């Protein structure tokens, strides 16, 4: 499974919502590819093709395409979080309604 994060070209991961997603991917130990897109929204055709909008971050995880940093973080927490003792990843996802 390949994960691709489309994000702004900012080098800092502190204030940018894209940085929050990048930090979570690293914290979860998920291998991913980062595609930095231009600042100008009009220069983001690949993002628009995926989401019909030009805002980042956008996460592509297999067939899943998710935009909005909060939704991405929630998805990562429930779809890729390390298994807790006694609970499978499938059961956690099902219990959260995802």
N, C-alpha and C. Protein backbone atom coordinates (compact mmCIF):
# COMPACT_ATOMS: atom_id res chain seq x y z
N UNK A 1 0.85 -1.17 0.00
CA UNK A 1 0.00 0.00 0.00
C UNK A 1 0.90 1.24 0.00
N UNK A 2 0.62 2.17 -0.89
CA UNK A 2 1.45 3.37 -0.92
C UNK A 2 0.63 4.58 -0.46
N UNK A 3 1.25 5.37 0.38
CA UNK A 3 0.63 6.58 0.90
C UNK A 3 1.35 7.76 0.29
N UNK A 4 0.58 8.71 -0.24
CA UNK A 4 1.15 9.93 -0.81
C UNK A 4 0.52 11.12 -0.11
N UNK A 5 1.35 12.04 0.34
CA UNK A 5 0.89 13.27 0.97
C UNK A 5 1.21 14.43 0.04
N UNK A 6 0.18 15.14 -0.41
CA UNK A 6 0.36 16.37 -1.18
C UNK A 6 0.31 17.50 -0.18
N UNK A 7 1.36 18.30 -0.16
CA UNK A 7 1.46 19.35 0.84
C UNK A 7 2.10 20.60 0.26
N UNK A 8 2.04 21.68 1.03
CA UNK A 8 2.64 22.95 0.63
C UNK A 8 4.17 22.83 0.65
N UNK A 9 4.86 23.75 0.00
CA UNK A 9 6.32 23.68 -0.06
C UNK A 9 7.03 24.20 1.19
N UNK A 10 6.28 24.64 2.19
CA UNK A 10 6.88 25.17 3.41
C UNK A 10 7.78 24.12 4.05
N UNK A 11 8.96 24.52 4.48
CA UNK A 11 9.91 23.59 5.09
C UNK A 11 9.60 23.32 6.56
N UNK A 12 8.88 24.21 7.20
CA UNK A 12 8.57 24.02 8.62
C UNK A 12 7.40 23.07 8.78
N UNK A 13 7.43 22.27 9.81
CA UNK A 13 6.33 21.37 10.12
C UNK A 13 5.61 21.81 11.39
N UNK A 14 5.89 23.04 11.85
CA UNK A 14 5.35 23.46 13.14
C UNK A 14 3.98 24.10 13.02
N UNK A 15 3.83 25.11 12.19
CA UNK A 15 2.59 25.87 12.14
C UNK A 15 1.63 25.43 11.04
N UNK A 16 2.14 24.81 10.03
CA UNK A 16 1.36 24.45 8.85
C UNK A 16 0.52 23.19 9.09
N UNK A 17 -0.76 23.18 8.68
CA UNK A 17 -1.56 21.96 8.81
C UNK A 17 -0.95 20.77 8.07
N UNK A 18 -0.26 21.06 6.98
CA UNK A 18 0.43 19.99 6.24
C UNK A 18 1.49 19.34 7.13
N UNK A 19 2.15 20.15 7.93
CA UNK A 19 3.18 19.64 8.84
C UNK A 19 2.60 18.73 9.90
N UNK A 20 1.40 19.03 10.37
CA UNK A 20 0.75 18.18 11.37
C UNK A 20 0.51 16.78 10.80
N UNK A 21 0.10 16.73 9.54
CA UNK A 21 -0.13 15.44 8.90
C UNK A 21 1.20 14.69 8.72
N UNK A 22 2.22 15.41 8.29
CA UNK A 22 3.54 14.79 8.11
C UNK A 22 4.06 14.23 9.43
N UNK A 23 3.89 14.98 10.51
CA UNK A 23 4.34 14.51 11.83
C UNK A 23 3.59 13.25 12.25
N UNK A 24 2.29 13.20 12.00
CA UNK A 24 1.50 12.03 12.39
C UNK A 24 1.93 10.80 11.58
N UNK A 25 2.19 10.98 10.29
CA UNK A 25 2.67 9.86 9.48
C UNK A 25 3.97 9.29 10.06
N UNK A 26 4.86 10.18 10.45
CA UNK A 26 6.14 9.74 11.03
C UNK A 26 5.93 9.07 12.39
N UNK A 27 5.07 9.66 13.21
CA UNK A 27 4.80 9.10 14.54
C UNK A 27 4.25 7.68 14.45
N UNK A 28 3.40 7.46 13.45
CA UNK A 28 2.81 6.14 13.26
C UNK A 28 3.75 5.18 12.53
N UNK A 29 4.88 5.71 12.08
CA UNK A 29 5.86 4.86 11.39
C UNK A 29 5.43 4.42 10.01
N UNK A 30 4.61 5.24 9.35
CA UNK A 30 4.08 4.88 8.04
C UNK A 30 4.99 5.39 6.92
N UNK A 31 5.38 4.49 6.05
CA UNK A 31 6.16 4.90 4.89
C UNK A 31 5.25 5.67 3.96
N UNK A 32 5.74 6.77 3.44
CA UNK A 32 4.94 7.59 2.55
C UNK A 32 5.84 8.40 1.64
N UNK A 33 5.23 8.90 0.59
CA UNK A 33 5.93 9.79 -0.33
C UNK A 33 5.29 11.17 -0.18
N UNK A 34 6.13 12.20 -0.14
CA UNK A 34 5.63 13.57 -0.02
C UNK A 34 5.79 14.28 -1.35
N UNK A 35 4.69 14.85 -1.83
CA UNK A 35 4.70 15.66 -3.05
C UNK A 35 4.44 17.10 -2.64
N UNK A 36 5.45 17.93 -2.78
CA UNK A 36 5.29 19.35 -2.44
C UNK A 36 4.74 20.07 -3.66
N UNK A 37 3.63 20.78 -3.46
CA UNK A 37 2.98 21.48 -4.56
C UNK A 37 3.24 22.98 -4.41
N UNK A 38 3.12 23.75 -5.50
CA UNK A 38 3.40 25.19 -5.44
C UNK A 38 2.46 25.93 -4.48
N UNK A 39 2.93 27.09 -4.03
CA UNK A 39 2.09 27.94 -3.18
C UNK A 39 0.83 28.38 -3.91
N UNK A 40 0.98 28.76 -5.17
CA UNK A 40 -0.17 29.26 -5.94
C UNK A 40 -1.15 28.12 -6.19
N UNK A 41 -2.36 28.32 -5.74
CA UNK A 41 -3.38 27.28 -5.91
C UNK A 41 -3.65 26.99 -7.38
N UNK A 42 -3.53 28.00 -8.22
CA UNK A 42 -3.79 27.79 -9.65
C UNK A 42 -2.75 26.87 -10.29
N UNK A 43 -1.65 26.63 -9.60
CA UNK A 43 -0.58 25.77 -10.13
C UNK A 43 -0.61 24.39 -9.49
N UNK A 44 -1.80 23.94 -9.09
CA UNK A 44 -1.93 22.63 -8.43
C UNK A 44 -2.90 21.71 -9.18
N UNK A 45 -2.67 21.46 -10.46
CA UNK A 45 -3.63 20.64 -11.21
C UNK A 45 -3.76 19.22 -10.68
N UNK A 46 -2.68 18.64 -10.16
CA UNK A 46 -2.76 17.26 -9.66
C UNK A 46 -3.66 17.16 -8.43
N UNK A 47 -3.65 18.19 -7.60
CA UNK A 47 -4.52 18.21 -6.42
C UNK A 47 -5.97 18.39 -6.86
N UNK A 48 -6.19 19.29 -7.80
CA UNK A 48 -7.55 19.53 -8.30
C UNK A 48 -8.12 18.27 -8.97
N UNK A 49 -7.28 17.54 -9.65
CA UNK A 49 -7.71 16.30 -10.30
C UNK A 49 -8.18 15.27 -9.27
N UNK A 50 -7.51 15.23 -8.13
CA UNK A 50 -7.86 14.26 -7.08
C UNK A 50 -9.09 14.66 -6.29
N UNK A 51 -9.24 15.95 -5.99
CA UNK A 51 -10.25 16.38 -5.02
C UNK A 51 -11.27 17.40 -5.55
N UNK A 52 -11.08 17.87 -6.76
CA UNK A 52 -11.90 18.94 -7.33
C UNK A 52 -11.77 20.25 -6.56
N UNK A 53 -10.69 20.38 -5.84
CA UNK A 53 -10.33 21.62 -5.17
C UNK A 53 -8.82 21.75 -5.23
N UNK A 54 -8.28 22.85 -4.74
CA UNK A 54 -6.83 23.07 -4.84
C UNK A 54 -6.15 23.23 -3.49
N UNK A 55 -6.82 22.91 -2.42
CA UNK A 55 -6.24 23.07 -1.08
C UNK A 55 -5.47 21.83 -0.66
N UNK A 56 -4.45 22.07 0.12
CA UNK A 56 -3.66 20.98 0.70
C UNK A 56 -3.71 21.12 2.21
N UNK A 57 -3.50 20.06 2.95
CA UNK A 57 -2.98 18.77 2.56
C UNK A 57 -4.04 17.86 1.97
N UNK A 58 -3.57 16.92 1.16
CA UNK A 58 -4.38 15.84 0.62
C UNK A 58 -3.60 14.56 0.82
N UNK A 59 -4.26 13.54 1.35
CA UNK A 59 -3.63 12.25 1.57
C UNK A 59 -4.27 11.23 0.64
N UNK A 60 -3.43 10.48 -0.06
CA UNK A 60 -3.91 9.38 -0.89
C UNK A 60 -3.35 8.10 -0.28
N UNK A 61 -4.25 7.24 0.14
CA UNK A 61 -3.87 5.96 0.76
C UNK A 61 -4.61 4.87 0.00
N UNK A 62 -3.94 4.29 -0.98
CA UNK A 62 -4.60 3.31 -1.84
C UNK A 62 -5.72 4.00 -2.61
N UNK A 63 -6.95 3.52 -2.44
CA UNK A 63 -8.10 4.11 -3.13
C UNK A 63 -8.70 5.29 -2.37
N UNK A 64 -8.27 5.50 -1.13
CA UNK A 64 -8.80 6.59 -0.30
C UNK A 64 -8.10 7.90 -0.64
N UNK A 65 -8.89 8.95 -0.88
CA UNK A 65 -8.38 10.30 -1.09
C UNK A 65 -9.05 11.18 -0.06
N UNK A 66 -8.26 11.78 0.83
CA UNK A 66 -8.80 12.55 1.94
C UNK A 66 -8.18 13.92 1.95
N UNK A 67 -9.02 14.95 2.04
CA UNK A 67 -8.53 16.32 2.17
C UNK A 67 -8.95 16.85 3.53
N UNK A 68 -8.37 17.95 3.93
CA UNK A 68 -8.59 18.60 5.22
C UNK A 68 -7.76 17.90 6.30
N UNK A 69 -6.88 18.66 6.91
CA UNK A 69 -5.92 18.08 7.86
C UNK A 69 -6.60 17.36 9.02
N UNK A 70 -7.70 17.88 9.53
CA UNK A 70 -8.37 17.22 10.66
C UNK A 70 -8.93 15.86 10.26
N UNK A 71 -9.53 15.81 9.08
CA UNK A 71 -10.07 14.53 8.60
C UNK A 71 -8.95 13.53 8.32
N UNK A 72 -7.83 14.02 7.79
CA UNK A 72 -6.68 13.14 7.53
C UNK A 72 -6.14 12.58 8.83
N UNK A 73 -5.97 13.44 9.84
CA UNK A 73 -5.45 12.97 11.13
C UNK A 73 -6.37 11.93 11.75
N UNK A 74 -7.67 12.17 11.68
CA UNK A 74 -8.63 11.21 12.22
C UNK A 74 -8.53 9.88 11.47
N UNK A 75 -8.46 9.95 10.15
CA UNK A 75 -8.33 8.74 9.35
C UNK A 75 -7.08 7.96 9.73
N UNK A 76 -5.95 8.65 9.83
CA UNK A 76 -4.69 7.98 10.17
C UNK A 76 -4.76 7.32 11.54
N UNK A 77 -5.35 8.03 12.50
CA UNK A 77 -5.44 7.47 13.86
C UNK A 77 -6.24 6.18 13.90
N UNK A 78 -7.31 6.09 13.15
CA UNK A 78 -8.17 4.92 13.23
C UNK A 78 -7.87 3.85 12.20
N UNK A 79 -7.27 4.21 11.08
CA UNK A 79 -6.97 3.22 10.05
C UNK A 79 -5.58 2.62 10.20
N UNK A 80 -4.66 3.36 10.81
CA UNK A 80 -3.27 2.90 10.85
C UNK A 80 -2.66 2.86 12.24
N UNK A 81 -3.42 3.13 13.26
CA UNK A 81 -2.87 3.10 14.61
C UNK A 81 -2.43 1.69 14.96
N UNK A 82 -1.38 1.59 15.72
CA UNK A 82 -0.88 0.28 16.14
C UNK A 82 -1.97 -0.46 16.91
N UNK A 83 -2.04 -1.74 16.71
CA UNK A 83 -3.08 -2.55 17.34
C UNK A 83 -2.95 -2.52 18.86
N UNK A 84 -4.06 -2.30 19.52
CA UNK A 84 -4.10 -2.35 20.98
C UNK A 84 -4.33 -3.81 21.38
N UNK A 85 -3.84 -4.22 22.53
CA UNK A 85 -4.08 -5.60 22.97
C UNK A 85 -5.57 -5.89 23.04
N UNK A 86 -5.99 -6.97 22.41
CA UNK A 86 -7.39 -7.36 22.47
C UNK A 86 -8.30 -6.70 21.46
N UNK A 87 -7.79 -5.76 20.67
CA UNK A 87 -8.62 -5.09 19.68
C UNK A 87 -7.90 -5.07 18.34
N UNK A 88 -8.55 -5.57 17.32
CA UNK A 88 -7.95 -5.53 15.99
C UNK A 88 -8.20 -4.16 15.38
N UNK A 89 -7.43 -3.83 14.36
CA UNK A 89 -7.61 -2.55 13.66
C UNK A 89 -9.00 -2.48 13.05
N UNK A 90 -9.50 -3.61 12.53
CA UNK A 90 -10.83 -3.64 11.94
C UNK A 90 -11.91 -3.34 12.97
N UNK A 91 -11.79 -3.89 14.16
CA UNK A 91 -12.78 -3.63 15.22
C UNK A 91 -12.74 -2.18 15.67
N UNK A 92 -11.54 -1.59 15.77
CA UNK A 92 -11.44 -0.18 16.17
C UNK A 92 -12.11 0.70 15.13
N UNK A 93 -11.85 0.42 13.85
CA UNK A 93 -12.44 1.21 12.78
C UNK A 93 -13.95 1.06 12.79
N UNK A 94 -14.43 -0.15 12.95
CA UNK A 94 -15.87 -0.40 12.96
C UNK A 94 -16.53 0.30 14.14
N UNK A 95 -15.89 0.30 15.31
CA UNK A 95 -16.49 0.91 16.49
C UNK A 95 -16.56 2.42 16.37
N UNK A 96 -15.70 3.01 15.55
CA UNK A 96 -15.73 4.46 15.33
C UNK A 96 -16.60 4.85 14.15
N UNK A 97 -17.14 3.89 13.44
CA UNK A 97 -18.03 4.18 12.33
C UNK A 97 -17.31 4.67 11.09
N UNK A 98 -16.05 4.34 10.94
CA UNK A 98 -15.31 4.77 9.75
C UNK A 98 -15.34 3.70 8.69
